PDB file of N, CA and C in Angstrom:
ATOM      1  N   MET A   1      -4.079 -19.130   5.814  1.00  0.00           N
ATOM      2  CA  MET A   1      -4.709 -19.377   7.329  1.00  0.00           C
ATOM      3  C   MET A   1      -3.802 -20.181   8.157  1.00  0.00           C
ATOM      4  N   ARG A   2      -3.865 -19.587   9.335  1.00  0.00           N
ATOM      5  CA  ARG A   2      -3.057 -20.066  10.106  1.00  0.00           C
ATOM      6  C   ARG A   2      -3.608 -21.347  10.619  1.00  0.00           C
ATOM      7  N   GLN A   3      -2.761 -22.884  11.194  1.00  0.00           N
ATOM      8  CA  GLN A   3      -3.340 -23.392  11.613  1.00  0.00           C
ATOM      9  C   GLN A   3      -3.218 -23.376  13.267  1.00  0.00           C
ATOM     10  N   THR A   4      -4.048 -23.706  14.059  1.00  0.00           N
ATOM     11  CA  THR A   4      -3.493 -24.057  15.409  1.00  0.00           C
ATOM     12  C   THR A   4      -3.602 -25.324  16.034  1.00  0.00           C
ATOM     13  N   TYR A   5      -2.785 -25.900  16.775  1.00  0.00           N
ATOM     14  CA  TYR A   5      -2.545 -27.143  17.277  1.00  0.00           C
ATOM     15  C   TYR A   5      -2.698 -27.333  18.668  1.00  0.00           C
ATOM     16  N   THR A   6      -3.637 -27.975  19.316  1.00  0.00           N
ATOM     17  CA  THR A   6      -3.232 -27.971  20.907  1.00  0.00           C
ATOM     18  C   THR A   6      -2.531 -29.539  20.940  1.00  0.00           C
ATOM     19  N   PHE A   7      -2.292 -29.430  22.065  1.00  0.00           N
ATOM     20  CA  PHE A   7      -0.973 -30.093  22.721  1.00  0.00           C
ATOM     21  C   PHE A   7      -1.461 -30.816  24.028  1.00  0.00           C
ATOM     22  N   THR A   8      -1.627 -31.956  23.891  1.00  0.00           N
ATOM     23  CA  THR A   8      -1.340 -32.903  25.258  1.00  0.00           C
ATOM     24  C   THR A   8      -0.135 -32.584  26.139  1.00  0.00           C
ATOM     25  N   PRO A   9      -0.286 -31.623  27.564  1.00  0.00           N
ATOM     26  CA  PRO A   9       0.844 -31.607  27.940  1.00  0.00           C
ATOM     27  C   PRO A   9       2.122 -33.177  28.098  1.00  0.00           C
ATOM     28  N   GLY A  10       3.316 -32.754  27.668  1.00  0.00           N
ATOM     29  CA  GLY A  10       4.088 -34.117  27.842  1.00  0.00           C
ATOM     30  C   GLY A  10       4.269 -34.704  26.465  1.00  0.00           C
ATOM     31  N   GLU A  11       3.081 -34.659  25.360  1.00  0.00           N
ATOM     32  CA  GLU A  11       3.252 -35.252  24.585  1.00  0.00           C
ATOM     33  C   GLU A  11       4.063 -33.841  23.368  1.00  0.00           C
ATOM     34  N   ILE A  12       5.523 -34.922  22.676  1.00  0.00           N
ATOM     35  CA  ILE A  12       6.515 -34.331  21.798  1.00  0.00           C
ATOM     36  C   ILE A  12       5.856 -35.261  20.796  1.00  0.00           C
ATOM     37  N   ARG A  13       5.625 -34.443  19.600  1.00  0.00           N
ATOM     38  CA  ARG A  13       5.312 -35.050  18.133  1.00  0.00           C
ATOM     39  C   ARG A  13       6.417 -35.554  17.405  1.00  0.00           C
ATOM     40  N   SER A  14       6.679 -36.091  16.649  1.00  0.00           N
ATOM     41  CA  SER A  14       7.813 -36.585  15.823  1.00  0.00           C
ATOM     42  C   SER A  14       7.507 -35.418  14.736  1.00  0.00           C
ATOM     43  N   ASP A  15       6.367 -35.250  13.852  1.00  0.00           N
ATOM     44  CA  ASP A  15       6.256 -34.447  12.696  1.00  0.00           C
ATOM     45  C   ASP A  15       6.211 -32.853  13.084  1.00  0.00           C
ATOM     46  N   SER A  16       6.444 -32.370  14.535  1.00  0.00           N
ATOM     47  CA  SER A  16       6.521 -31.101  14.947  1.00  0.00           C
ATOM     48  C   SER A  16       7.671 -30.168  14.941  1.00  0.00           C
ATOM     49  N   SER A  17       7.713 -29.181  15.200  1.00  0.00           N
ATOM     50  CA  SER A  17       8.505 -28.377  15.444  1.00  0.00           C
ATOM     51  C   SER A  17       8.506 -27.368  17.064  1.00  0.00           C
ATOM     52  N   TYR A  18       9.140 -27.207  17.930  1.00  0.00           N
ATOM     53  CA  TYR A  18       8.452 -26.347  18.727  1.00  0.00           C
ATOM     54  C   TYR A  18       9.395 -25.468  19.447  1.00  0.00           C
ATOM     55  N   THR A  19       8.857 -24.034  19.685  1.00  0.00           N
ATOM     56  CA  THR A  19       9.916 -23.200  19.975  1.00  0.00           C
ATOM     57  C   THR A  19      10.582 -23.602  21.528  1.00  0.00           C
ATOM     58  N   GLN A  20      11.483 -23.195  21.852  1.00  0.00           N
ATOM     59  CA  GLN A  20      12.124 -23.494  22.934  1.00  0.00           C
ATOM     60  C   GLN A  20      10.965 -23.363  24.469  1.00  0.00           C
ATOM     61  N   ALA A  21      10.416 -21.995  24.050  1.00  0.00           N
ATOM     62  CA  ALA A  21       9.355 -21.710  25.364  1.00  0.00           C
ATOM     63  C   ALA A  21       8.298 -23.055  24.944  1.00  0.00           C
ATOM     64  N   GLU A  22       7.907 -23.018  23.970  1.00  0.00           N
ATOM     65  CA  GLU A  22       6.789 -24.080  24.117  1.00  0.00           C
ATOM     66  C   GLU A  22       7.192 -25.513  24.431  1.00  0.00           C
ATOM     67  N   PHE A  23       8.437 -25.988  24.141  1.00  0.00           N
ATOM     68  CA  PHE A  23       9.040 -27.081  24.612  1.00  0.00           C
ATOM     69  C   PHE A  23       9.136 -27.360  25.988  1.00  0.00           C
ATOM     70  N   GLU A  24       9.609 -26.244  26.511  1.00  0.00           N
ATOM     71  CA  GLU A  24       9.914 -26.747  28.438  1.00  0.00           C
ATOM     72  C   GLU A  24       8.689 -26.040  29.006  1.00  0.00           C
ATOM     73  N   ARG A  25       7.077 -25.553  28.435  1.00  0.00           N
ATOM     74  CA  ARG A  25       6.275 -25.771  28.955  1.00  0.00           C
ATOM     75  C   ARG A  25       5.872 -26.893  28.513  1.00  0.00           C
ATOM     76  N   ILE A  26       5.729 -27.796  27.543  1.00  0.00           N
ATOM     77  CA  ILE A  26       5.193 -28.929  27.346  1.00  0.00           C
ATOM     78  C   ILE A  26       5.853 -30.084  28.152  1.00  0.00           C
ATOM     79  N   THR A  27       7.416 -30.211  28.369  1.00  0.00           N
ATOM     80  CA  THR A  27       7.848 -31.207  28.832  1.00  0.00           C
ATOM     81  C   THR A  27       7.914 -30.865  30.292  1.00  0.00           C
ATOM     82  N   GLY A  28       8.103 -29.533  30.539  1.00  0.00           N
ATOM     83  CA  GLY A  28       8.265 -29.418  32.172  1.00  0.00           C
ATOM     84  C   GLY A  28       9.521 -29.475  32.351  1.00  0.00           C
ATOM     85  N   LEU A  29      10.436 -29.208  31.253  1.00  0.00           N
ATOM     86  CA  LEU A  29      11.936 -28.869  31.683  1.00  0.00           C
ATOM     87  C   LEU A  29      12.492 -27.610  31.623  1.00  0.00           C
ATOM     88  N   GLY A  30      13.518 -27.566  32.172  1.00  0.00           N
ATOM     89  CA  GLY A  30      14.019 -25.764  32.418  1.00  0.00           C
ATOM     90  C   GLY A  30      14.946 -25.554  31.711  1.00  0.00           C
ATOM     91  N   ARG A  31      15.439 -24.472  31.685  1.00  0.00           N
ATOM     92  CA  ARG A  31      16.556 -24.122  30.770  1.00  0.00           C
ATOM     93  C   ARG A  31      17.833 -24.667  30.745  1.00  0.00           C
ATOM     94  N   ALA A  32      17.896 -25.223  32.204  1.00  0.00           N
ATOM     95  CA  ALA A  32      19.157 -25.963  32.562  1.00  0.00           C
ATOM     96  C   ALA A  32      19.018 -27.359  32.248  1.00  0.00           C
ATOM     97  N   ALA A  33      18.120 -27.749  32.296  1.00  0.00           N
ATOM     98  CA  ALA A  33      17.986 -29.193  31.696  1.00  0.00           C
ATOM     99  C   ALA A  33      18.077 -29.391  30.117  1.00  0.00           C
ATOM    100  N   ILE A  34      17.745 -28.566  29.507  1.00  0.00           N
ATOM    101  CA  ILE A  34      17.703 -28.593  28.181  1.00  0.00           C
ATOM    102  C   ILE A  34      19.133 -28.157  27.354  1.00  0.00           C
ATOM    103  N   ARG A  35      20.167 -27.198  28.130  1.00  0.00           N
ATOM    104  CA  ARG A  35      21.187 -27.221  28.430  1.00  0.00           C
ATOM    105  C   ARG A  35      22.013 -28.360  28.337  1.00  0.00           C
ATOM    106  N   ALA A  36      22.006 -28.576  29.274  1.00  0.00           N
ATOM    107  CA  ALA A  36      22.556 -30.518  29.568  1.00  0.00           C
ATOM    108  C   ALA A  36      22.235 -31.368  28.787  1.00  0.00           C
ATOM    109  N   ALA A  37      20.837 -31.226  27.977  1.00  0.00           N
ATOM    110  CA  ALA A  37      20.256 -32.534  26.654  1.00  0.00           C
ATOM    111  C   ALA A  37      21.328 -31.749  25.422  1.00  0.00           C
ATOM    112  N   ARG A  38      21.312 -30.561  25.487  1.00  0.00           N
ATOM    113  CA  ARG A  38      22.342 -30.064  24.095  1.00  0.00           C
ATOM    114  C   ARG A  38      23.582 -30.394  24.405  1.00  0.00           C
ATOM    115  N   ARG A  39      24.218 -30.678  25.467  1.00  0.00           N
ATOM    116  CA  ARG A  39      25.537 -30.845  25.816  1.00  0.00           C
ATOM    117  C   ARG A  39      25.657 -32.122  25.123  1.00  0.00           C
ATOM    118  N   ARG A  40      24.600 -33.128  25.628  1.00  0.00           N
ATOM    119  CA  ARG A  40      24.499 -34.864  25.105  1.00  0.00           C
ATOM    120  C   ARG A  40      24.308 -35.189  24.098  1.00  0.00           C
ATOM    121  N   GLY A  41      23.826 -33.940  23.179  1.00  0.00           N
ATOM    122  CA  GLY A  41      23.696 -34.066  21.454  1.00  0.00           C
ATOM    123  C   GLY A  41      22.381 -33.793  21.261  1.00  0.00           C
ATOM    124  N   LEU A  42      21.502 -33.351  21.926  1.00  0.00           N
ATOM    125  CA  LEU A  42      20.297 -32.902  21.289  1.00  0.00           C
ATOM    126  C   LEU A  42      20.420 -31.673  20.424  1.00  0.00           C
ATOM    127  N   THR A  43      19.811 -31.484  18.895  1.00  0.00           N
ATOM    128  CA  THR A  43      20.258 -30.209  18.133  1.00  0.00           C
ATOM    129  C   THR A  43      19.361 -29.389  18.570  1.00  0.00           C
ATOM    130  N   VAL A  44      19.400 -28.341  18.551  1.00  0.00           N
ATOM    131  CA  VAL A  44      18.461 -27.284  18.942  1.00  0.00           C
ATOM    132  C   VAL A  44      19.306 -26.483  17.866  1.00  0.00           C
ATOM    133  N   ARG A  45      17.900 -25.736  16.859  1.00  0.00           N
ATOM    134  CA  ARG A  45      18.418 -24.869  15.696  1.00  0.00           C
ATOM    135  C   ARG A  45      17.743 -23.185  15.945  1.00  0.00           C
ATOM    136  N   ARG A  46      18.337 -22.722  15.284  1.00  0.00           N
ATOM    137  CA  ARG A  46      17.994 -21.079  15.615  1.00  0.00           C
ATOM    138  C   ARG A  46      17.571 -20.491  13.831  1.00  0.00           C
ATOM    139  N   VAL A  47      16.797 -19.760  14.625  1.00  0.00           N
ATOM    140  CA  VAL A  47      16.116 -18.728  13.305  1.00  0.00           C
ATOM    141  C   VAL A  47      15.862 -17.706  13.881  1.00  0.00           C
ATOM    142  N   GLY A  48      16.658 -16.659  13.331  1.00  0.00           N
ATOM    143  CA  GLY A  48      16.219 -15.370  14.101  1.00  0.00           C
ATOM    144  C   GLY A  48      16.957 -15.491  15.576  1.00  0.00           C
ATOM    145  N   ARG A  49      16.137 -15.270  16.570  1.00  0.00           N
ATOM    146  CA  ARG A  49      16.689 -14.954  17.676  1.00  0.00           C
ATOM    147  C   ARG A  49      15.728 -16.240  18.688  1.00  0.00           C
ATOM    148  N   THR A  50      15.032 -17.124  17.858  1.00  0.00           N
ATOM    149  CA  THR A  50      14.301 -17.995  18.501  1.00  0.00           C
ATOM    150  C   THR A  50      14.806 -19.458  18.116  1.00  0.00           C
ATOM    151  N   ASN A  51      14.903 -20.099  19.320  1.00  0.00           N
ATOM    152  CA  ASN A  51      15.326 -21.744  19.193  1.00  0.00           C
ATOM    153  C   ASN A  51      14.207 -22.581  19.026  1.00  0.00           C
ATOM    154  N   TYR A  52      14.290 -23.431  18.581  1.00  0.00           N
ATOM    155  CA  TYR A  52      13.548 -24.760  17.650  1.00  0.00           C
ATOM    156  C   TYR A  52      14.196 -25.993  18.272  1.00  0.00           C
ATOM    157  N   ILE A  53      12.982 -26.772  18.782  1.00  0.00           N
ATOM    158  CA  ILE A  53      13.415 -27.938  18.659  1.00  0.00           C
ATOM    159  C   ILE A  53      12.042 -28.816  18.095  1.00  0.00           C
ATOM    160  N   ILE A  54      13.210 -29.926  17.193  1.00  0.00           N
ATOM    161  CA  ILE A  54      12.202 -31.098  16.798  1.00  0.00           C
ATOM    162  C   ILE A  54      11.744 -31.982  17.199  1.00  0.00           C
ATOM    163  N   GLY A  55      10.684 -32.149  16.982  1.00  0.00           N
ATOM    164  CA  GLY A  55      10.038 -33.387  17.402  1.00  0.00           C
ATOM    165  C   GLY A  55      10.433 -34.977  17.392  1.00  0.00           C
ATOM    166  N   ARG A  56      11.023 -35.197  16.044  1.00  0.00           N
ATOM    167  CA  ARG A  56      11.473 -36.234  16.091  1.00  0.00           C
ATOM    168  C   ARG A  56      12.959 -36.343  16.581  1.00  0.00           C
ATOM    169  N   GLU A  57      14.145 -35.258  16.636  1.00  0.00           N
ATOM    170  CA  GLU A  57      15.182 -35.282  17.263  1.00  0.00           C
ATOM    171  C   GLU A  57      15.048 -35.278  19.006  1.00  0.00           C
ATOM    172  N   TRP A  58      13.967 -34.919  19.630  1.00  0.00           N
ATOM    173  CA  TRP A  58      14.162 -35.191  20.911  1.00  0.00           C
ATOM    174  C   TRP A  58      13.750 -36.650  21.064  1.00  0.00           C
ATOM    175  N   ASN A  59      12.899 -37.095  20.324  1.00  0.00           N
ATOM    176  CA  ASN A  59      11.946 -38.459  20.485  1.00  0.00           C
ATOM    177  C   ASN A  59      13.607 -39.358  20.583  1.00  0.00           C
ATOM    178  N   ASP A  60      14.177 -39.201  19.365  1.00  0.00           N
ATOM    179  CA  ASP A  60      15.699 -39.780  19.085  1.00  0.00           C
ATOM    180  C   ASP A  60      16.723 -39.404  20.211  1.00  0.00           C
ATOM    181  N   TYR A  61      16.605 -38.502  21.109  1.00  0.00           N
ATOM    182  CA  TYR A  61      17.529 -38.213  22.125  1.00  0.00           C
ATOM    183  C   TYR A  61      16.585 -38.549  23.175  1.00  0.00           C
ATOM    184  N   LEU A  62      15.837 -39.098  23.104  1.00  0.00           N
ATOM    185  CA  LEU A  62      15.247 -39.742  24.339  1.00  0.00           C
ATOM    186  C   LEU A  62      15.150 -40.811  24.502  1.00  0.00           C
ATOM    187  N   ALA A  63      14.892 -41.560  23.067  1.00  0.00           N
ATOM    188  CA  ALA A  63      15.689 -43.097  22.962  1.00  0.00           C
ATOM    189  C   ALA A  63      16.816 -43.429  23.355  1.00  0.00           C
ATOM    190  N   LYS A  64      17.763 -42.565  23.067  1.00  0.00           N
ATOM    191  CA  LYS A  64      18.865 -43.149  23.516  1.00  0.00           C
ATOM    192  C   LYS A  64      19.781 -42.716  24.888  1.00  0.00           C
ATOM    193  N   PHE A  65      19.157 -41.465  25.172  1.00  0.00           N
ATOM    194  CA  PHE A  65      19.515 -41.128  26.537  1.00  0.00           C
ATOM    195  C   PHE A  65      18.639 -41.195  28.011  1.00  0.00           C
ATOM    196  N   GLY A  66      17.048 -41.370  27.798  1.00  0.00           N
ATOM    197  CA  GLY A  66      16.565 -41.460  28.678  1.00  0.00           C
ATOM    198  C   GLY A  66      16.847 -42.946  29.801  1.00  0.00           C
ATOM    199  N   GLU A  67      16.393 -42.906  30.783  1.00  0.00           N
ATOM    200  CA  GLU A  67      16.899 -44.014  31.554  1.00  0.00           C
ATOM    201  C   GLU A  67      15.268 -44.634  31.744  1.00  0.00           C
ATOM    202  N   VAL A  68      15.409 -46.112  31.743  1.00  0.00           N
ATOM    203  CA  VAL A  68      14.425 -46.858  31.307  1.00  0.00           C
ATOM    204  C   VAL A  68      13.871 -47.046  33.158  1.00  0.00           C
ATOM    205  N   VAL A  69      12.723 -47.057  33.005  1.00  0.00           N
ATOM    206  CA  VAL A  69      12.082 -47.100  34.927  1.00  0.00           C
ATOM    207  C   VAL A  69      11.195 -48.159  34.675  1.00  0.00           C
ATOM    208  N   ALA A  70      11.520 -49.353  35.696  1.00  0.00           N
ATOM    209  CA  ALA A  70      11.162 -50.583  35.924  1.00  0.00           C
ATOM    210  C   ALA A  70       9.692 -50.606  36.360  1.00  0.00           C
ATOM    211  N   SER A  71       8.374 -50.948  35.670  1.00  0.00           N
ATOM    212  CA  SER A  71       7.246 -50.715  36.507  1.00  0.00           C
ATOM    213  C   SER A  71       7.003 -51.820  37.537  1.00  0.00           C
TER     214      SER A  71
END
Protein backbone atom coordinates (compact mmCIF):
# COMPACT_ATOMS: atom_id res chain seq x y z
CA MET A 1 0.00 0.00 0.00
CA ARG A 2 1.40 3.36 -1.00
CA GLN A 3 1.80 5.97 1.70
CA THR A 4 1.10 9.59 0.93
CA TYR A 5 2.71 12.44 2.78
CA THR A 6 1.70 16.03 3.07
CA PHE A 7 4.40 18.66 3.02
CA THR A 8 4.42 22.08 4.57
CA PRO A 9 5.49 24.59 1.90
CA GLY A 10 9.18 25.26 2.33
CA GLU A 11 9.76 22.22 4.57
CA ILE A 12 12.41 19.76 3.41
CA ARG A 13 12.64 16.73 5.69
CA SER A 14 16.04 15.10 6.20
CA ASP A 15 14.52 11.62 6.14
CA SER A 16 12.81 12.05 2.74
CA SER A 17 13.73 12.13 -0.92
CA TYR A 18 12.08 14.39 -3.48
CA THR A 19 11.82 14.38 -7.23
CA GLN A 20 13.29 17.53 -8.68
CA ALA A 21 9.78 18.71 -9.61
CA GLU A 22 8.54 18.21 -6.02
CA PHE A 23 11.64 19.91 -4.67
CA GLU A 24 11.15 22.93 -6.94
CA ARG A 25 7.50 23.23 -5.89
CA ILE A 26 8.22 22.93 -2.16
CA THR A 27 11.22 25.28 -2.06
CA GLY A 28 10.10 27.73 -4.72
CA LEU A 29 13.48 27.37 -6.45
CA GLY A 30 13.67 27.18 -10.22
CA ARG A 31 15.81 25.00 -12.44
CA ALA A 32 18.52 27.65 -12.77
CA ALA A 33 18.87 27.91 -8.98
CA ILE A 34 19.12 24.14 -8.66
CA ARG A 35 21.74 24.03 -11.43
CA ALA A 36 23.75 26.65 -9.54
CA ALA A 37 23.42 24.64 -6.32
CA ARG A 38 24.63 21.52 -8.15
CA ARG A 39 27.69 23.40 -9.35
CA ARG A 40 28.40 24.38 -5.73
CA GLY A 41 28.09 20.83 -4.46
CA LEU A 42 24.44 19.80 -4.05
CA THR A 43 24.12 16.13 -4.95
CA VAL A 44 21.28 15.23 -7.29
CA ARG A 45 20.71 11.54 -7.96
CA ARG A 46 19.15 10.11 -11.11
CA VAL A 47 17.09 6.96 -11.45
CA GLY A 48 15.92 6.36 -14.99
CA ARG A 49 14.83 9.76 -16.27
CA THR A 50 13.97 11.24 -12.88
CA ASN A 51 16.23 13.41 -10.71
CA TYR A 52 15.99 13.07 -6.93
CA ILE A 53 17.22 15.27 -4.13
CA ILE A 54 17.71 13.77 -0.67
CA GLY A 55 16.45 16.05 2.07
CA ARG A 56 19.50 15.47 4.29
CA GLU A 57 21.84 16.50 1.47
CA TRP A 58 19.83 19.69 0.85
CA ASN A 59 19.89 20.56 4.55
CA ASP A 60 23.67 19.96 4.68
CA TYR A 61 24.13 22.12 1.58
CA LEU A 62 21.96 24.86 3.07
CA ALA A 63 23.93 24.84 6.34
CA LYS A 64 27.18 25.17 4.40
CA PHE A 65 26.22 27.69 1.72
CA GLY A 66 23.05 29.37 2.98
CA GLU A 67 23.35 33.05 3.82
CA VAL A 68 22.78 33.91 7.47
CA VAL A 69 20.23 36.70 7.76
CA ALA A 70 20.30 38.91 10.84
CA SER A 71 16.90 39.64 12.34
